[in-house]
Amino acid sequence: TIFLLVLGSRFSDIELREEEGIPTEEFLDSCYAIVPVLDKLGPTVFAPVKMDFVGNIKKINQKFITNKEEFDTLQKIVLHEVNAGVAQVRNSATEALLWLKRGLKFLKGFLTEVKNGEKNIQTAL
């Protein structure tokens, strides 16, 4: 129930745009909604995860706000950076998206372990 109280924006509420992909703003809103969950899970244990998570959200948002119309989907951001030859550059939005995806996958795995009854945080991690 703690997760239902904290989450405002949810990934499941995001409507994919046919041919265009995942709306950037809605995706970032859903990511930001997870940050308080990390605090509830353990502000000390999850501090590095939270810092990495927030940093990657900010990198993507910084790219998004440079041109909200052009970068209205994550796919458009990635394609722009690939075409510009900067997708693999450190601190690119594409790199941040890759690490954010990895962080989300890690968090999902952890929460699945807890949901399945694992009581020991270290084991679940």
Protein backbone atom coordinates (compact mmCIF):
# COMPACT_ATOMS: atom_id res chain seq x y z
CA THR A 1 0.00 0.00 0.00
CA ILE A 2 2.93 2.35 0.58
CA PHE A 3 3.65 2.32 -3.15
CA LEU A 4 0.08 3.19 -4.07
CA LEU A 5 0.14 6.18 -1.74
CA VAL A 6 3.42 7.56 -3.06
CA LEU A 7 3.10 7.00 -6.79
CA GLY A 8 1.24 9.74 -8.60
CA SER A 9 2.27 9.12 -12.18
CA ARG A 10 2.47 5.49 -13.24
CA PHE A 11 4.23 3.85 -16.16
CA SER A 12 1.10 1.83 -16.87
CA ASP A 13 -0.79 5.09 -17.50
CA ILE A 14 1.56 6.18 -20.28
CA GLU A 15 -0.03 5.95 -23.69
CA LEU A 16 2.46 4.95 -26.37
CA ARG A 17 2.25 7.01 -29.51
CA GLU A 18 2.04 4.82 -32.56
CA GLU A 19 5.15 5.17 -34.74
CA GLU A 20 6.57 7.75 -32.31
CA GLY A 21 7.06 5.82 -29.07
CA ILE A 22 7.17 6.76 -25.42
CA PRO A 23 6.19 10.32 -24.48
CA THR A 24 9.17 11.92 -22.74
CA GLU A 25 7.32 14.10 -20.24
CA GLU A 26 5.03 11.32 -19.00
CA PHE A 27 7.96 8.92 -18.73
CA LEU A 28 9.99 11.42 -16.69
CA ASP A 29 6.99 12.14 -14.45
CA SER A 30 6.66 8.41 -13.75
CA CYS A 31 10.37 8.16 -12.99
CA TYR A 32 10.23 11.14 -10.61
CA ALA A 33 7.29 9.45 -8.84
CA ILE A 34 9.57 6.54 -7.91
CA VAL A 35 12.09 8.71 -6.04
CA PRO A 36 10.03 8.95 -2.80
CA VAL A 37 9.62 5.17 -2.92
CA LEU A 38 13.39 4.81 -2.74
CA ASP A 39 13.38 6.96 0.40
CA LYS A 40 10.68 4.78 1.94
CA LEU A 41 12.59 1.60 1.11
CA GLY A 42 15.65 2.76 2.96
CA PRO A 43 17.21 6.21 2.72
CA THR A 44 20.65 4.84 3.56
CA VAL A 45 20.66 1.58 1.66
CA PHE A 46 19.10 3.11 -1.44
CA ALA A 47 20.99 6.44 -1.36
CA PRO A 48 23.41 5.47 -4.17
CA VAL A 49 20.56 4.06 -6.25
CA LYS A 50 18.52 7.20 -5.72
CA MET A 51 21.41 9.49 -6.59
CA ASP A 52 22.09 7.58 -9.82
CA PHE A 53 18.39 7.41 -10.64
CA VAL A 54 17.79 11.14 -10.12
CA GLY A 55 20.97 12.05 -12.01
CA ASN A 56 19.85 10.08 -15.05
CA ILE A 57 16.34 11.54 -14.94
CA LYS A 58 17.87 15.04 -14.85
CA LYS A 59 20.13 14.33 -17.85
CA ILE A 60 17.16 13.22 -19.94
CA ASN A 61 15.09 16.16 -18.73
CA GLN A 62 17.87 18.61 -19.60
CA LYS A 63 17.82 17.35 -23.18
CA PHE A 64 14.01 17.40 -23.26
CA ILE A 65 13.69 21.00 -22.11
CA THR A 66 16.05 22.24 -24.84
CA ASN A 67 13.26 21.55 -27.34
CA LYS A 68 10.10 20.02 -25.88
CA GLU A 69 8.37 19.80 -29.26
CA GLU A 70 11.25 18.10 -31.06
CA PHE A 71 12.05 15.76 -28.16
CA ASP A 72 8.49 14.87 -27.16
CA THR A 73 9.33 11.13 -27.23
CA LEU A 74 12.31 9.22 -25.90
CA GLN A 75 12.85 7.70 -29.32
CA LYS A 76 13.24 11.15 -30.89
CA ILE A 77 15.89 12.06 -28.32
CA VAL A 78 17.83 8.86 -28.99
CA LEU A 79 17.56 9.19 -32.79
CA HIS A 80 18.70 12.81 -32.58
CA GLU A 81 21.75 11.86 -30.52
CA VAL A 82 22.56 8.87 -32.75
CA ASN A 83 22.38 11.05 -35.87
CA ALA A 84 24.49 13.74 -34.18
CA GLY A 85 27.07 11.13 -33.17
CA VAL A 86 26.75 11.85 -29.46
CA ALA A 87 24.61 8.92 -28.26
CA GLN A 88 27.62 7.16 -26.73
CA VAL A 89 29.15 10.29 -25.24
CA ARG A 90 29.36 10.36 -21.46
CA ASN A 91 26.37 12.16 -19.94
CA SER A 92 24.29 11.98 -23.12
CA ALA A 93 20.55 11.55 -22.69
CA THR A 94 20.84 8.21 -24.49
CA GLU A 95 23.42 6.95 -22.00
CA ALA A 96 21.26 8.26 -19.14
CA LEU A 97 18.23 6.44 -20.55
CA LEU A 98 20.23 3.19 -20.73
CA TRP A 99 21.28 3.50 -17.08
CA LEU A 100 17.80 4.58 -16.02
CA LYS A 101 16.38 1.47 -17.69
CA ARG A 102 18.91 -0.67 -15.84
CA GLY A 103 17.97 1.05 -12.56
CA LEU A 104 14.27 0.43 -13.17
CA LYS A 105 14.96 -3.21 -13.97
CA PHE A 106 17.02 -3.55 -10.77
CA LEU A 107 14.26 -1.93 -8.71
CA LYS A 108 11.63 -4.17 -10.27
CA GLY A 109 13.72 -7.24 -9.43
CA PHE A 110 14.19 -6.07 -5.86
CA LEU A 111 10.48 -5.35 -5.37
CA THR A 112 9.59 -8.72 -6.88
CA GLU A 113 11.84 -10.44 -4.32
CA VAL A 114 10.18 -8.50 -1.48
CA LYS A 115 6.71 -9.22 -2.87
CA ASN A 116 7.58 -12.91 -3.02
CA GLY A 117 8.33 -12.88 0.70
CA GLU A 118 12.05 -12.12 1.00
CA LYS A 119 12.54 -10.37 4.36
CA ASN A 120 16.30 -9.81 4.18
CA ILE A 121 17.06 -6.63 2.21
CA GLN A 122 20.59 -7.74 1.33
CA THR A 123 19.30 -11.03 -0.08
CA ALA A 124 16.59 -9.24 -2.03
CA LEU A 125 19.18 -6.84 -3.43
